[in-house]
N, C-alpha and C. Protein backbone atom coordinates (compact mmCIF):
# COMPACT_ATOMS: atom_id res chain seq x y z
N MET A 1 195.98 -5.56 304.50
CA MET A 1 196.57 -4.33 303.93
C MET A 1 197.63 -5.41 302.41
N LYS A 2 198.46 -6.36 303.09
CA LYS A 2 200.09 -6.45 301.92
C LYS A 2 199.20 -7.50 301.25
N THR A 3 197.84 -7.95 301.38
CA THR A 3 197.35 -8.00 299.94
C THR A 3 196.99 -7.35 299.03
N ILE A 4 195.96 -6.23 299.72
CA ILE A 4 195.68 -5.41 298.76
C ILE A 4 196.65 -4.49 298.02
N ALA A 5 198.31 -4.36 298.66
CA ALA A 5 199.01 -3.94 298.15
C ALA A 5 199.61 -4.53 297.17
N ILE A 6 199.96 -5.36 297.15
CA ILE A 6 200.44 -6.06 295.95
C ILE A 6 199.38 -6.66 295.06
N GLY A 7 198.01 -6.94 295.51
CA GLY A 7 197.63 -6.81 294.16
C GLY A 7 197.21 -5.77 293.13
N THR A 8 196.86 -4.65 294.17
CA THR A 8 197.11 -3.39 293.83
C THR A 8 198.56 -3.24 292.68
N LEU A 9 199.54 -3.67 292.93
CA LEU A 9 200.66 -3.16 292.13
C LEU A 9 200.80 -4.30 291.51
N SER A 10 200.22 -5.72 291.30
CA SER A 10 200.43 -6.62 290.49
C SER A 10 199.41 -5.78 289.34
N TRP A 11 198.20 -5.10 289.26
CA TRP A 11 196.99 -4.83 288.50
C TRP A 11 198.08 -3.65 287.19
N ILE A 12 199.08 -3.39 287.90
CA ILE A 12 199.13 -1.76 287.43
C ILE A 12 200.34 -2.36 286.64
N LEU A 13 201.28 -3.13 286.78
CA LEU A 13 202.04 -3.61 285.98
C LEU A 13 201.75 -4.62 284.87
N SER A 14 200.44 -5.29 285.66
CA SER A 14 199.79 -5.99 284.37
C SER A 14 198.76 -5.08 283.48
N ALA A 15 198.61 -3.68 283.53
CA ALA A 15 198.31 -2.71 282.60
C ALA A 15 199.18 -2.25 281.81
N GLY A 16 200.28 -2.06 282.61
CA GLY A 16 201.01 -1.26 281.83
C GLY A 16 202.25 -2.90 280.39
N LEU A 17 201.96 -4.19 281.17
CA LEU A 17 202.54 -4.32 279.96
C LEU A 17 201.72 -5.13 278.76
N LEU A 18 199.96 -4.65 279.13
CA LEU A 18 199.10 -5.31 278.31
C LEU A 18 199.06 -3.97 277.33
N TYR A 19 199.76 -3.18 277.59
CA TYR A 19 199.89 -2.36 276.16
C TYR A 19 201.16 -1.63 276.42
N ALA A 20 202.63 -2.65 276.19
CA ALA A 20 203.83 -2.05 275.88
C ALA A 20 203.71 -1.57 274.84
N GLY A 21 203.11 -2.61 273.59
CA GLY A 21 203.97 -2.22 272.47
C GLY A 21 202.68 -0.84 271.59
N ALA A 22 201.74 -0.79 272.36
CA ALA A 22 200.49 0.47 271.31
C ALA A 22 201.64 1.08 270.69
N SER A 23 202.44 2.04 271.22
CA SER A 23 203.07 3.25 270.79
C SER A 23 203.75 2.46 269.71
N GLU A 24 203.94 1.74 269.82
CA GLU A 24 205.58 0.48 268.44
C GLU A 24 204.19 0.47 267.26
N GLY A 25 202.82 0.12 267.95
CA GLY A 25 201.48 -0.61 267.28
C GLY A 25 201.39 0.35 266.54
N LYS A 26 200.99 1.69 266.74
CA LYS A 26 200.04 2.93 266.65
C LYS A 26 201.24 3.10 265.29
N GLU A 27 202.44 3.42 265.06
CA GLU A 27 203.55 3.71 264.29
C GLU A 27 203.14 2.62 263.16
N LEU A 28 202.98 1.63 263.83
CA LEU A 28 202.91 0.25 262.64
C LEU A 28 201.66 0.23 261.57
N PHE A 29 200.48 0.48 262.60
CA PHE A 29 199.35 0.62 261.50
C PHE A 29 199.56 1.68 261.31
N THR A 30 200.22 3.27 261.36
CA THR A 30 199.77 3.94 260.60
C THR A 30 200.38 3.81 259.38
N ALA A 31 201.63 3.27 259.19
CA ALA A 31 201.95 2.60 258.22
C ALA A 31 201.68 1.34 257.41
N LYS A 32 200.99 0.93 257.86
CA LYS A 32 200.88 -0.49 257.16
C LYS A 32 199.10 -0.56 257.10
N CYS A 33 198.41 -0.22 257.90
CA CYS A 33 196.86 -0.25 257.98
C CYS A 33 195.62 1.11 257.72
N GLN A 34 196.59 2.32 258.04
CA GLN A 34 195.98 2.99 258.04
C GLN A 34 195.28 3.69 256.63
N GLY A 35 195.97 3.23 255.58
CA GLY A 35 195.29 3.26 254.47
C GLY A 35 194.19 2.31 253.50
N CYS A 36 193.54 1.33 254.72
CA CYS A 36 192.07 1.11 254.22
C CYS A 36 191.23 1.61 255.72
N HIS A 37 191.70 1.11 256.88
CA HIS A 37 191.43 1.32 258.35
C HIS A 37 191.02 2.40 258.94
N GLY A 38 191.44 3.83 257.93
CA GLY A 38 191.52 5.21 259.02
C GLY A 38 192.71 5.07 260.02
N ALA A 39 192.67 6.62 260.19
CA ALA A 39 193.72 7.09 261.14
C ALA A 39 193.42 6.66 262.95
N ASN A 40 191.87 6.02 263.11
CA ASN A 40 191.21 5.98 264.12
C ASN A 40 190.86 4.37 263.67
N GLY A 41 191.12 3.97 262.62
CA GLY A 41 190.05 2.40 262.79
C GLY A 41 188.67 2.80 262.12
N GLU A 42 188.46 3.87 262.08
CA GLU A 42 187.22 3.62 261.90
C GLU A 42 186.64 3.36 260.64
N GLY A 43 187.68 2.79 259.50
CA GLY A 43 186.83 2.01 258.45
C GLY A 43 186.89 3.16 257.12
N LYS A 44 187.94 3.21 255.95
CA LYS A 44 187.33 3.82 254.80
C LYS A 44 186.06 3.76 253.78
N ALA A 45 185.09 4.37 253.92
CA ALA A 45 184.28 4.04 253.24
C ALA A 45 184.06 3.84 251.44
N ALA A 46 185.27 4.58 251.14
CA ALA A 46 185.84 4.30 249.62
C ALA A 46 186.89 2.83 249.02
N ILE A 47 187.10 2.56 250.40
CA ILE A 47 187.79 1.14 250.11
C ILE A 47 186.93 -0.20 250.75
N ALA A 48 185.78 0.42 251.24
CA ALA A 48 184.51 -0.22 251.58
C ALA A 48 183.88 -0.72 250.53
N LYS A 49 183.81 0.16 249.54
CA LYS A 49 182.65 0.11 248.29
C LYS A 49 183.72 -0.52 247.01
N MET A 50 184.41 -0.02 247.21
CA MET A 50 185.66 -0.39 246.24
C MET A 50 185.65 -2.26 246.27
N TYR A 51 185.92 -2.79 246.94
CA TYR A 51 186.44 -3.66 247.64
C TYR A 51 184.68 -4.84 247.66
N ASN A 52 183.52 -4.15 247.87
CA ASN A 52 182.44 -4.19 248.06
C ASN A 52 182.47 -5.30 249.63
N VAL A 53 182.84 -4.67 250.90
CA VAL A 53 182.47 -5.36 252.23
C VAL A 53 182.85 -4.52 253.20
N ALA A 54 181.76 -4.83 254.42
CA ALA A 54 181.56 -4.19 255.48
C ALA A 54 183.39 -3.89 255.64
N LEU A 55 183.73 -2.63 256.63
CA LEU A 55 184.58 -2.38 257.34
C LEU A 55 184.47 -1.49 258.73
N PRO A 56 184.26 -2.99 259.58
CA PRO A 56 183.70 -2.13 260.96
C PRO A 56 184.93 -1.58 261.21
N PRO A 57 184.08 -1.02 262.11
CA PRO A 57 185.32 0.09 263.18
C PRO A 57 185.81 -0.36 264.31
N LEU A 58 187.16 -0.62 263.89
CA LEU A 58 188.52 -1.68 264.80
C LEU A 58 187.83 -1.36 266.81
N ALA A 59 186.82 -0.46 266.81
CA ALA A 59 186.96 -0.03 267.77
C ALA A 59 185.57 -0.69 268.45
N SER A 60 184.79 -0.96 267.62
CA SER A 60 183.64 -1.61 267.57
C SER A 60 183.57 -2.67 268.83
N LYS A 61 183.13 -3.57 269.61
CA LYS A 61 182.25 -3.90 269.94
C LYS A 61 182.73 -5.39 269.27
N GLU A 62 182.11 -5.81 268.17
CA GLU A 62 182.75 -6.79 267.00
C GLU A 62 183.81 -7.10 267.34
N VAL A 63 184.81 -6.26 266.91
CA VAL A 63 185.81 -6.09 266.60
C VAL A 63 186.86 -6.79 267.76
N GLN A 64 186.49 -5.44 268.95
CA GLN A 64 187.08 -5.90 270.53
C GLN A 64 186.50 -6.99 270.88
N ALA A 65 185.94 -7.82 271.17
CA ALA A 65 185.53 -8.59 270.84
C ALA A 65 186.20 -10.38 270.41
N LYS A 66 187.15 -10.02 270.14
CA LYS A 66 187.57 -11.15 268.92
C LYS A 66 188.78 -11.82 269.75
N SER A 67 189.56 -12.81 269.73
CA SER A 67 190.77 -12.47 271.18
C SER A 67 191.70 -11.96 270.57
N ASP A 68 193.21 -11.91 271.09
CA ASP A 68 194.43 -10.99 271.04
C ASP A 68 194.54 -11.90 269.16
N ALA A 69 194.80 -13.51 269.97
CA ALA A 69 195.29 -14.62 268.78
C ALA A 69 194.33 -14.35 266.96
N ASP A 70 193.26 -14.03 267.13
CA ASP A 70 192.18 -13.44 265.99
C ASP A 70 192.96 -12.89 265.55
N LEU A 71 192.87 -11.73 266.13
CA LEU A 71 193.32 -10.33 265.17
C LEU A 71 194.79 -10.84 264.77
N LYS A 72 195.76 -11.11 265.26
CA LYS A 72 196.70 -11.09 264.89
C LYS A 72 196.71 -12.20 263.70
N LYS A 73 195.90 -13.15 263.87
CA LYS A 73 195.84 -13.97 262.64
C LYS A 73 195.60 -13.31 261.47
N VAL A 74 194.61 -12.47 261.57
CA VAL A 74 194.01 -11.48 260.78
C VAL A 74 194.91 -10.54 260.04
N ILE A 75 196.08 -9.75 260.75
CA ILE A 75 196.94 -9.13 260.55
C ILE A 75 198.02 -9.80 259.69
N LEU A 76 198.35 -11.24 260.05
CA LEU A 76 199.71 -11.68 259.46
C LEU A 76 199.32 -12.85 258.59
N SER A 77 197.54 -13.58 258.21
CA SER A 77 197.06 -13.88 257.25
C SER A 77 196.47 -13.49 256.54
N GLY A 78 195.55 -12.22 256.77
CA GLY A 78 194.52 -11.68 256.54
C GLY A 78 193.43 -12.33 256.25
N LYS A 79 191.82 -12.21 255.90
CA LYS A 79 190.57 -12.48 256.14
C LYS A 79 189.77 -12.06 254.59
N GLY A 80 189.26 -13.06 254.40
CA GLY A 80 188.36 -12.86 253.07
C GLY A 80 189.34 -11.39 252.26
N LYS A 81 188.78 -10.62 252.02
CA LYS A 81 189.22 -10.20 250.83
C LYS A 81 191.32 -8.96 251.18
N MET A 82 191.25 -9.07 252.82
CA MET A 82 192.42 -8.42 253.50
C MET A 82 192.88 -9.19 252.92
N LYS A 83 194.32 -8.89 252.37
CA LYS A 83 195.64 -9.57 252.46
C LYS A 83 196.44 -8.93 253.80
N PRO A 84 196.84 -10.51 253.78
CA PRO A 84 198.14 -9.48 255.23
C PRO A 84 198.40 -9.15 255.40
N ALA A 85 199.31 -8.09 255.71
CA ALA A 85 199.93 -7.07 256.39
C ALA A 85 201.39 -7.32 255.45
N ALA A 86 202.03 -6.66 254.68
CA ALA A 86 202.92 -7.09 254.09
C ALA A 86 203.92 -7.04 254.96
N GLY A 87 205.28 -7.75 255.09
CA GLY A 87 206.62 -7.80 256.25
C GLY A 87 206.25 -7.13 257.76
N VAL A 88 204.70 -7.81 258.29
CA VAL A 88 204.53 -7.73 259.25
C VAL A 88 205.23 -8.62 260.14
N THR A 89 205.91 -8.87 261.15
CA THR A 89 206.46 -9.61 262.23
C THR A 89 205.81 -9.97 263.06
N GLU A 90 205.87 -11.28 263.85
CA GLU A 90 204.95 -11.73 264.89
C GLU A 90 204.78 -10.53 266.11
N LYS A 91 205.51 -10.41 266.31
CA LYS A 91 206.18 -8.69 266.77
C LYS A 91 205.79 -8.21 266.68
N GLN A 92 205.56 -7.51 265.51
CA GLN A 92 204.98 -6.60 265.31
C GLN A 92 203.41 -6.63 264.91
N ALA A 93 203.13 -7.52 264.84
CA ALA A 93 201.66 -8.14 265.03
C ALA A 93 201.17 -8.03 266.05
N ASP A 94 201.48 -8.21 267.35
CA ASP A 94 201.35 -8.36 268.56
C ASP A 94 201.24 -6.49 269.20
N ASP A 95 202.16 -5.45 268.34
CA ASP A 95 202.02 -4.50 268.52
C ASP A 95 200.60 -3.67 268.24
N ILE A 96 200.92 -4.05 266.67
CA ILE A 96 199.26 -3.75 266.69
C ILE A 96 198.30 -3.81 267.31
N VAL A 97 198.08 -5.22 267.69
CA VAL A 97 196.61 -5.58 268.24
C VAL A 97 196.90 -4.98 269.99
N ALA A 98 197.86 -4.85 270.09
CA ALA A 98 198.41 -3.90 271.92
C ALA A 98 197.78 -2.36 271.37
N PHE A 99 197.96 -1.46 270.10
CA PHE A 99 197.62 -0.95 269.56
C PHE A 99 195.66 -0.53 269.18
N LEU A 100 195.25 -1.54 268.57
CA LEU A 100 194.24 -1.89 268.62
C LEU A 100 193.07 -1.65 270.25
N ARG A 101 193.88 -2.35 270.87
CA ARG A 101 193.13 -2.51 272.39
C ARG A 101 192.85 -1.13 272.96
N THR A 102 193.49 -0.34 272.44
CA THR A 102 193.88 1.64 272.81
C THR A 102 192.59 2.04 272.63
N LEU A 103 192.09 1.63 271.49
CA LEU A 103 190.86 2.36 270.21
C LEU A 103 189.15 2.15 270.68
N LYS A 104 189.48 1.11 272.18
CA LYS A 104 188.33 0.97 272.61
C LYS A 104 187.14 2.55 273.22
């Protein structure tokens, strides 16, 4: 019984920590990413067409399968035609990733 209680408490705490920066990340996403990726991470067709790229929905299995470190690297360093998110710190990138995980 004690083991179950400890396990359950650990799970609840870890779930809370996993999304600890999600609310801050949503604010940052709105300010820094929404212009191209859309309010819900669905991607904007006009942006994709203009840059001749595919913008997979950020809630897609393809994007969600990436590690937190990989997503953070894209945010901070860019990838392909995507430029790095200007003025985003390491902590802020972690918060954005936490928000992206809520899009599942």
